[in-house]
Amino acid sequence: MGVQVKTISPGDGRTFPKRGQTCVVHYTGMLEDGKKFDSSRDRNKPFKFMLGKQEVIRGWEEGVAQGLQSGLPPPGYEGAISSQPQHHSVLLNLWPQDTMSVGQRAKLTISPDYAYGATGHPGIIPPHATLVFDVELLKLE
């Protein structure tokens, strides 16, 4: 599965994080059954991480980071940007991933292979756990 992003409340829709930027977020992490295991909100201290430095699990990198997918756009997508290289006959379609913009709050559902895998995090996250995060992208630095 990887990571699924579902918007809880929209952000500005134009300021997307990129590799090398520091993301400042509030989050609550839960197991699939709703059991909370961590929360920056409870500590009243936002969490910071730099994209592309493997400071967070893969599901966070891909769920929060702005990127482009190539190939055929997802069903129902009407905003694909098509470009054709001068010396190639291959058509390339690019569209934004389901990513977060500043101010957005989203639910990230992350499969074990994009989280802590077969090992888990002893005493906190069991092996093979799907994780659910409520993440709000506060700002970029």
N, C-alpha and C. Protein backbone atom coordinates (compact mmCIF):
# COMPACT_ATOMS: atom_id res chain seq x y z
N MET A 1 0.82 -1.20 0.00
CA MET A 1 0.00 0.00 0.00
C MET A 1 0.86 1.25 0.00
N GLY A 2 1.91 1.30 0.79
CA GLY A 2 2.71 2.52 0.86
C GLY A 2 2.09 3.51 1.82
N VAL A 3 1.71 4.67 1.27
CA VAL A 3 1.10 5.70 2.11
C VAL A 3 -0.13 6.26 1.40
N GLN A 4 -1.20 6.43 2.15
CA GLN A 4 -2.40 7.08 1.64
C GLN A 4 -2.57 8.39 2.40
N VAL A 5 -2.87 9.45 1.65
CA VAL A 5 -3.05 10.77 2.24
C VAL A 5 -4.50 11.18 2.06
N LYS A 6 -5.17 11.50 3.17
CA LYS A 6 -6.55 11.97 3.11
C LYS A 6 -6.62 13.31 3.83
N THR A 7 -7.03 14.34 3.12
CA THR A 7 -7.10 15.69 3.69
C THR A 7 -8.19 15.79 4.75
N ILE A 8 -7.80 16.34 5.89
CA ILE A 8 -8.76 16.65 6.96
C ILE A 8 -9.21 18.10 6.78
N SER A 9 -8.24 19.00 6.59
CA SER A 9 -8.53 20.40 6.26
C SER A 9 -7.45 20.88 5.30
N PRO A 10 -7.84 21.66 4.28
CA PRO A 10 -6.90 22.06 3.24
C PRO A 10 -5.87 23.08 3.71
N GLY A 11 -4.75 23.10 3.00
CA GLY A 11 -3.73 24.12 3.23
C GLY A 11 -3.87 25.21 2.20
N ASP A 12 -2.78 25.94 1.95
CA ASP A 12 -2.85 27.04 0.99
C ASP A 12 -2.89 26.55 -0.46
N GLY A 13 -2.57 25.28 -0.70
CA GLY A 13 -2.65 24.71 -2.03
C GLY A 13 -1.56 25.12 -2.99
N ARG A 14 -0.55 25.86 -2.52
CA ARG A 14 0.52 26.31 -3.42
C ARG A 14 1.91 26.23 -2.83
N THR A 15 2.03 26.09 -1.51
CA THR A 15 3.35 26.02 -0.89
C THR A 15 3.62 24.59 -0.46
N PHE A 16 4.40 23.88 -1.28
CA PHE A 16 4.66 22.47 -1.06
C PHE A 16 6.10 22.24 -0.63
N PRO A 17 6.33 21.37 0.35
CA PRO A 17 7.70 21.10 0.80
C PRO A 17 8.49 20.33 -0.25
N LYS A 18 9.78 20.61 -0.28
CA LYS A 18 10.68 19.94 -1.21
C LYS A 18 11.90 19.43 -0.45
N ARG A 19 12.61 18.50 -1.05
CA ARG A 19 13.82 17.94 -0.43
C ARG A 19 14.76 19.06 0.02
N GLY A 20 15.32 18.88 1.21
CA GLY A 20 16.25 19.86 1.75
C GLY A 20 15.58 20.92 2.62
N GLN A 21 14.26 21.02 2.55
CA GLN A 21 13.55 21.97 3.40
C GLN A 21 13.21 21.31 4.73
N THR A 22 13.12 22.12 5.77
CA THR A 22 12.70 21.63 7.08
C THR A 22 11.21 21.84 7.22
N CYS A 23 10.50 20.76 7.52
CA CYS A 23 9.06 20.81 7.73
C CYS A 23 8.79 20.92 9.22
N VAL A 24 7.91 21.82 9.59
CA VAL A 24 7.49 21.97 10.98
C VAL A 24 6.04 21.50 11.05
N VAL A 25 5.81 20.46 11.84
CA VAL A 25 4.49 19.83 11.89
C VAL A 25 4.03 19.58 13.32
N HIS A 26 2.73 19.45 13.47
CA HIS A 26 2.15 18.85 14.67
C HIS A 26 1.59 17.52 14.20
N TYR A 27 1.68 16.50 15.04
CA TYR A 27 1.18 15.19 14.65
C TYR A 27 0.70 14.40 15.86
N THR A 28 -0.14 13.43 15.57
CA THR A 28 -0.52 12.40 16.53
C THR A 28 -0.39 11.08 15.80
N GLY A 29 0.37 10.15 16.38
CA GLY A 29 0.56 8.83 15.79
C GLY A 29 -0.26 7.79 16.51
N MET A 30 -0.95 6.96 15.72
CA MET A 30 -1.82 5.92 16.28
C MET A 30 -1.62 4.60 15.55
N LEU A 31 -1.92 3.52 16.25
CA LEU A 31 -2.01 2.22 15.61
C LEU A 31 -3.36 2.15 14.90
N GLU A 32 -3.56 1.14 14.08
CA GLU A 32 -4.82 1.01 13.34
C GLU A 32 -6.04 0.96 14.25
N ASP A 33 -5.87 0.42 15.46
CA ASP A 33 -7.00 0.32 16.40
C ASP A 33 -7.29 1.63 17.12
N GLY A 34 -6.54 2.70 16.78
CA GLY A 34 -6.77 4.01 17.37
C GLY A 34 -5.94 4.30 18.61
N LYS A 35 -5.15 3.32 19.06
CA LYS A 35 -4.31 3.52 20.24
C LYS A 35 -3.17 4.50 19.91
N LYS A 36 -3.16 5.61 20.64
CA LYS A 36 -2.14 6.65 20.42
C LYS A 36 -0.81 6.20 21.01
N PHE A 37 0.28 6.39 20.22
CA PHE A 37 1.61 6.05 20.73
C PHE A 37 2.53 7.26 20.83
N ASP A 38 2.16 8.38 20.20
CA ASP A 38 3.00 9.57 20.27
C ASP A 38 2.21 10.77 19.78
N SER A 39 2.56 11.97 20.29
CA SER A 39 1.88 13.18 19.84
C SER A 39 2.70 14.42 20.18
N SER A 40 3.04 15.19 19.15
CA SER A 40 3.69 16.48 19.39
C SER A 40 2.69 17.47 19.98
N ARG A 41 1.42 17.28 19.66
CA ARG A 41 0.37 18.16 20.21
C ARG A 41 0.30 18.03 21.73
N ASP A 42 0.41 16.79 22.23
CA ASP A 42 0.37 16.58 23.68
C ASP A 42 1.55 17.25 24.38
N ARG A 43 2.68 17.34 23.69
CA ARG A 43 3.87 17.99 24.26
C ARG A 43 3.84 19.50 24.03
N ASN A 44 2.87 19.95 23.21
CA ASN A 44 2.77 21.36 22.83
C ASN A 44 4.07 21.87 22.23
N LYS A 45 4.74 20.98 21.46
CA LYS A 45 5.99 21.35 20.81
C LYS A 45 6.01 20.75 19.41
N PRO A 46 5.93 21.59 18.36
CA PRO A 46 5.97 21.07 17.00
C PRO A 46 7.24 20.26 16.74
N PHE A 47 7.12 19.32 15.82
CA PHE A 47 8.23 18.45 15.43
C PHE A 47 8.81 18.97 14.12
N LYS A 48 10.14 18.97 14.01
CA LYS A 48 10.82 19.44 12.80
C LYS A 48 11.62 18.29 12.20
N PHE A 49 11.60 18.21 10.88
CA PHE A 49 12.45 17.25 10.18
C PHE A 49 12.78 17.78 8.79
N MET A 50 13.95 17.39 8.29
CA MET A 50 14.38 17.82 6.97
C MET A 50 14.07 16.72 5.96
N LEU A 51 13.38 17.09 4.90
CA LEU A 51 13.04 16.12 3.87
C LEU A 51 14.28 15.65 3.12
N GLY A 52 14.31 14.37 2.81
CA GLY A 52 15.40 13.79 2.04
C GLY A 52 16.58 13.36 2.87
N LYS A 53 16.53 13.52 4.17
CA LYS A 53 17.66 13.16 5.04
C LYS A 53 17.39 11.88 5.84
N GLN A 54 16.28 11.21 5.54
CA GLN A 54 15.90 9.97 6.23
C GLN A 54 15.81 10.15 7.74
N GLU A 55 15.30 11.31 8.15
CA GLU A 55 15.09 11.58 9.58
C GLU A 55 13.77 11.02 10.07
N VAL A 56 12.90 10.66 9.14
CA VAL A 56 11.58 10.12 9.47
C VAL A 56 11.33 8.87 8.62
N ILE A 57 10.28 8.14 8.95
CA ILE A 57 9.96 6.94 8.18
C ILE A 57 9.59 7.30 6.74
N ARG A 58 9.74 6.33 5.85
CA ARG A 58 9.48 6.54 4.43
C ARG A 58 8.06 7.06 4.17
N GLY A 59 7.09 6.57 4.92
CA GLY A 59 5.71 7.02 4.75
C GLY A 59 5.53 8.51 4.98
N TRP A 60 6.29 9.06 5.91
CA TRP A 60 6.24 10.51 6.14
C TRP A 60 6.90 11.24 4.98
N GLU A 61 8.07 10.77 4.55
CA GLU A 61 8.78 11.40 3.43
C GLU A 61 7.86 11.51 2.22
N GLU A 62 7.20 10.39 1.89
CA GLU A 62 6.38 10.37 0.69
C GLU A 62 5.01 11.00 0.89
N GLY A 63 4.50 10.97 2.10
CA GLY A 63 3.18 11.56 2.36
C GLY A 63 3.20 13.07 2.47
N VAL A 64 4.31 13.61 2.93
CA VAL A 64 4.41 15.05 3.15
C VAL A 64 5.11 15.76 1.99
N ALA A 65 6.11 15.11 1.38
CA ALA A 65 6.95 15.76 0.36
C ALA A 65 6.22 16.00 -0.95
N GLN A 66 6.48 17.13 -1.54
CA GLN A 66 5.95 17.43 -2.87
C GLN A 66 6.78 16.69 -3.89
N GLY A 67 6.12 16.11 -4.86
CA GLY A 67 6.82 15.42 -5.93
C GLY A 67 5.95 15.35 -7.15
N LEU A 68 6.47 14.75 -8.18
CA LEU A 68 5.70 14.54 -9.38
C LEU A 68 5.72 13.08 -9.73
N GLN A 69 4.61 12.57 -10.19
CA GLN A 69 4.52 11.22 -10.70
C GLN A 69 4.54 11.34 -12.22
N SER A 70 5.12 10.36 -12.89
CA SER A 70 5.08 10.38 -14.34
C SER A 70 4.31 9.17 -14.83
N GLY A 71 3.82 9.25 -16.05
CA GLY A 71 3.04 8.17 -16.62
C GLY A 71 1.61 8.63 -16.82
N LEU A 72 0.68 7.71 -16.68
CA LEU A 72 -0.72 8.06 -16.85
C LEU A 72 -1.27 8.68 -15.57
N PRO A 73 -2.05 9.75 -15.69
CA PRO A 73 -2.61 10.37 -14.49
C PRO A 73 -3.63 9.45 -13.84
N PRO A 74 -3.89 9.65 -12.55
CA PRO A 74 -4.88 8.83 -11.87
C PRO A 74 -6.27 9.08 -12.44
N PRO A 75 -7.19 8.11 -12.31
CA PRO A 75 -8.55 8.28 -12.83
C PRO A 75 -9.19 9.56 -12.30
N GLY A 76 -9.82 10.30 -13.19
CA GLY A 76 -10.52 11.52 -12.78
C GLY A 76 -9.64 12.75 -12.72
N TYR A 77 -8.33 12.59 -12.90
CA TYR A 77 -7.44 13.75 -12.82
C TYR A 77 -7.57 14.55 -14.11
N GLU A 78 -7.86 15.85 -14.00
CA GLU A 78 -8.09 16.69 -15.17
C GLU A 78 -7.00 17.72 -15.38
N GLY A 79 -6.00 17.77 -14.51
CA GLY A 79 -5.00 18.82 -14.60
C GLY A 79 -3.63 18.36 -15.03
N ALA A 80 -3.54 17.29 -15.79
CA ALA A 80 -2.23 16.78 -16.20
C ALA A 80 -1.53 17.78 -17.10
N ILE A 81 -0.25 17.91 -16.92
CA ILE A 81 0.58 18.76 -17.76
C ILE A 81 1.30 17.84 -18.72
N SER A 82 1.08 18.01 -20.01
CA SER A 82 1.72 17.15 -20.99
C SER A 82 2.84 17.91 -21.67
N SER A 83 3.97 17.24 -21.84
CA SER A 83 5.07 17.86 -22.56
C SER A 83 5.70 16.80 -23.45
N GLN A 84 6.15 17.22 -24.60
CA GLN A 84 6.79 16.28 -25.51
C GLN A 84 8.19 16.79 -25.79
N PRO A 85 9.23 16.02 -25.40
CA PRO A 85 10.60 16.42 -25.69
C PRO A 85 10.80 16.59 -27.19
N GLN A 86 11.67 17.51 -27.59
CA GLN A 86 11.89 17.83 -29.00
C GLN A 86 12.24 16.61 -29.85
N HIS A 87 13.12 15.76 -29.36
CA HIS A 87 13.62 14.66 -30.18
C HIS A 87 13.07 13.31 -29.78
N HIS A 88 11.98 13.29 -29.09
CA HIS A 88 11.39 12.02 -28.65
C HIS A 88 9.91 12.02 -28.99
N SER A 89 9.40 10.84 -29.26
CA SER A 89 7.98 10.74 -29.57
C SER A 89 7.17 10.24 -28.38
N VAL A 90 7.81 10.16 -27.21
CA VAL A 90 7.12 9.69 -26.02
C VAL A 90 6.46 10.87 -25.32
N LEU A 91 5.20 10.71 -24.99
CA LEU A 91 4.47 11.75 -24.28
C LEU A 91 4.63 11.53 -22.78
N LEU A 92 4.99 12.55 -22.06
CA LEU A 92 5.20 12.45 -20.62
C LEU A 92 4.12 13.26 -19.93
N ASN A 93 3.39 12.61 -19.05
CA ASN A 93 2.37 13.30 -18.26
C ASN A 93 2.89 13.46 -16.85
N LEU A 94 2.78 14.64 -16.30
CA LEU A 94 3.21 14.92 -14.93
C LEU A 94 2.03 15.49 -14.16
N TRP A 95 1.91 15.07 -12.92
CA TRP A 95 0.88 15.61 -12.04
C TRP A 95 1.36 15.56 -10.61
N PRO A 96 0.89 16.47 -9.75
CA PRO A 96 1.31 16.45 -8.35
C PRO A 96 0.78 15.21 -7.64
N GLN A 97 1.60 14.66 -6.75
CA GLN A 97 1.15 13.55 -5.91
C GLN A 97 0.16 14.09 -4.89
N ASP A 98 -0.48 13.15 -4.19
CA ASP A 98 -1.27 13.55 -3.02
C ASP A 98 -0.28 13.96 -1.96
N THR A 99 0.01 15.23 -1.87
CA THR A 99 0.99 15.72 -0.92
C THR A 99 0.36 16.85 -0.12
N MET A 100 1.12 17.37 0.79
CA MET A 100 0.60 18.39 1.69
C MET A 100 1.12 19.77 1.33
N SER A 101 0.27 20.77 1.51
CA SER A 101 0.70 22.16 1.39
C SER A 101 0.65 22.79 2.78
N VAL A 102 1.36 23.90 2.93
CA VAL A 102 1.42 24.56 4.24
C VAL A 102 0.01 24.89 4.72
N GLY A 103 -0.24 24.56 5.98
CA GLY A 103 -1.54 24.78 6.59
C GLY A 103 -2.46 23.58 6.52
N GLN A 104 -2.11 22.61 5.69
CA GLN A 104 -2.96 21.42 5.52
C GLN A 104 -2.84 20.48 6.71
N ARG A 105 -3.96 19.86 7.03
CA ARG A 105 -3.99 18.80 8.03
C ARG A 105 -4.49 17.55 7.31
N ALA A 106 -3.77 16.45 7.46
CA ALA A 106 -4.11 15.24 6.73
C ALA A 106 -3.92 14.00 7.58
N LYS A 107 -4.64 12.97 7.18
CA LYS A 107 -4.50 11.65 7.79
C LYS A 107 -3.60 10.83 6.86
N LEU A 108 -2.45 10.40 7.38
CA LEU A 108 -1.55 9.54 6.63
C LEU A 108 -1.73 8.11 7.14
N THR A 109 -2.10 7.20 6.27
CA THR A 109 -2.18 5.79 6.63
C THR A 109 -1.00 5.12 5.96
N ILE A 110 -0.13 4.54 6.78
CA ILE A 110 1.17 4.06 6.31
C ILE A 110 1.31 2.57 6.56
N SER A 111 1.57 1.82 5.48
CA SER A 111 1.73 0.37 5.59
C SER A 111 3.06 0.05 6.28
N PRO A 112 3.17 -1.16 6.85
CA PRO A 112 4.38 -1.53 7.60
C PRO A 112 5.68 -1.36 6.82
N ASP A 113 5.67 -1.66 5.52
CA ASP A 113 6.89 -1.54 4.72
C ASP A 113 7.33 -0.09 4.54
N TYR A 114 6.47 0.87 4.80
CA TYR A 114 6.81 2.29 4.74
C TYR A 114 6.95 2.88 6.14
N ALA A 115 6.85 2.01 7.16
CA ALA A 115 6.94 2.45 8.56
C ALA A 115 8.08 1.69 9.25
N TYR A 116 7.74 0.84 10.20
CA TYR A 116 8.77 0.14 10.98
C TYR A 116 8.90 -1.33 10.65
N GLY A 117 8.17 -1.81 9.63
CA GLY A 117 8.32 -3.15 9.09
C GLY A 117 8.14 -4.28 10.08
N ALA A 118 8.91 -5.35 9.85
CA ALA A 118 8.83 -6.57 10.66
C ALA A 118 9.38 -6.37 12.06
N THR A 119 10.21 -5.36 12.25
CA THR A 119 10.83 -5.12 13.55
C THR A 119 9.91 -4.35 14.49
N GLY A 120 9.18 -3.39 13.96
CA GLY A 120 8.39 -2.51 14.81
C GLY A 120 9.32 -1.61 15.60
N HIS A 121 8.82 -1.08 16.68
CA HIS A 121 9.62 -0.28 17.61
C HIS A 121 9.30 -0.85 18.99
N PRO A 122 10.16 -1.74 19.50
CA PRO A 122 9.85 -2.51 20.72
C PRO A 122 9.25 -1.67 21.85
N GLY A 123 8.14 -2.18 22.37
CA GLY A 123 7.46 -1.52 23.47
C GLY A 123 6.50 -0.43 23.06
N ILE A 124 6.57 -0.02 21.79
CA ILE A 124 5.72 1.08 21.32
C ILE A 124 4.88 0.66 20.11
N ILE A 125 5.57 0.17 19.08
CA ILE A 125 4.90 -0.20 17.83
C ILE A 125 5.18 -1.67 17.54
N PRO A 126 4.13 -2.49 17.44
CA PRO A 126 4.33 -3.92 17.18
C PRO A 126 4.85 -4.18 15.77
N PRO A 127 5.45 -5.36 15.55
CA PRO A 127 5.88 -5.73 14.20
C PRO A 127 4.71 -5.71 13.22
N HIS A 128 5.01 -5.38 11.98
CA HIS A 128 4.03 -5.41 10.88
C HIS A 128 2.82 -4.50 11.13
N ALA A 129 3.03 -3.38 11.80
CA ALA A 129 1.92 -2.49 12.14
C ALA A 129 1.69 -1.44 11.05
N THR A 130 0.42 -1.28 10.68
CA THR A 130 0.01 -0.16 9.85
C THR A 130 -0.22 1.01 10.80
N LEU A 131 0.35 2.16 10.45
CA LEU A 131 0.27 3.34 11.33
C LEU A 131 -0.62 4.40 10.72
N VAL A 132 -1.27 5.16 11.58
CA VAL A 132 -2.12 6.27 11.16
C VAL A 132 -1.62 7.53 11.87
N PHE A 133 -1.33 8.55 11.08
CA PHE A 133 -0.86 9.82 11.63
C PHE A 133 -1.81 10.94 11.23
N ASP A 134 -2.15 11.78 12.18
CA ASP A 134 -2.87 13.02 11.93
C ASP A 134 -1.76 14.08 11.92
N VAL A 135 -1.47 14.62 10.74
CA VAL A 135 -0.33 15.54 10.57
C VAL A 135 -0.82 16.89 10.06
N GLU A 136 -0.33 17.95 10.69
CA GLU A 136 -0.61 19.31 10.23
C GLU A 136 0.71 19.97 9.87
N LEU A 137 0.84 20.39 8.61
CA LEU A 137 2.05 21.06 8.15
C LEU A 137 1.95 22.54 8.50
N LEU A 138 2.66 22.94 9.56
CA LEU A 138 2.56 24.31 10.08
C LEU A 138 3.33 25.32 9.24
N LYS A 139 4.57 24.97 8.89
CA LYS A 139 5.39 25.89 8.09
C LYS A 139 6.61 25.16 7.55
N LEU A 140 7.34 25.85 6.67
CA LEU A 140 8.59 25.34 6.11
C LEU A 140 9.70 26.29 6.49
N GLU A 141 10.87 25.72 6.74
CA GLU A 141 12.04 26.56 7.06
C GLU A 141 13.15 26.25 6.08
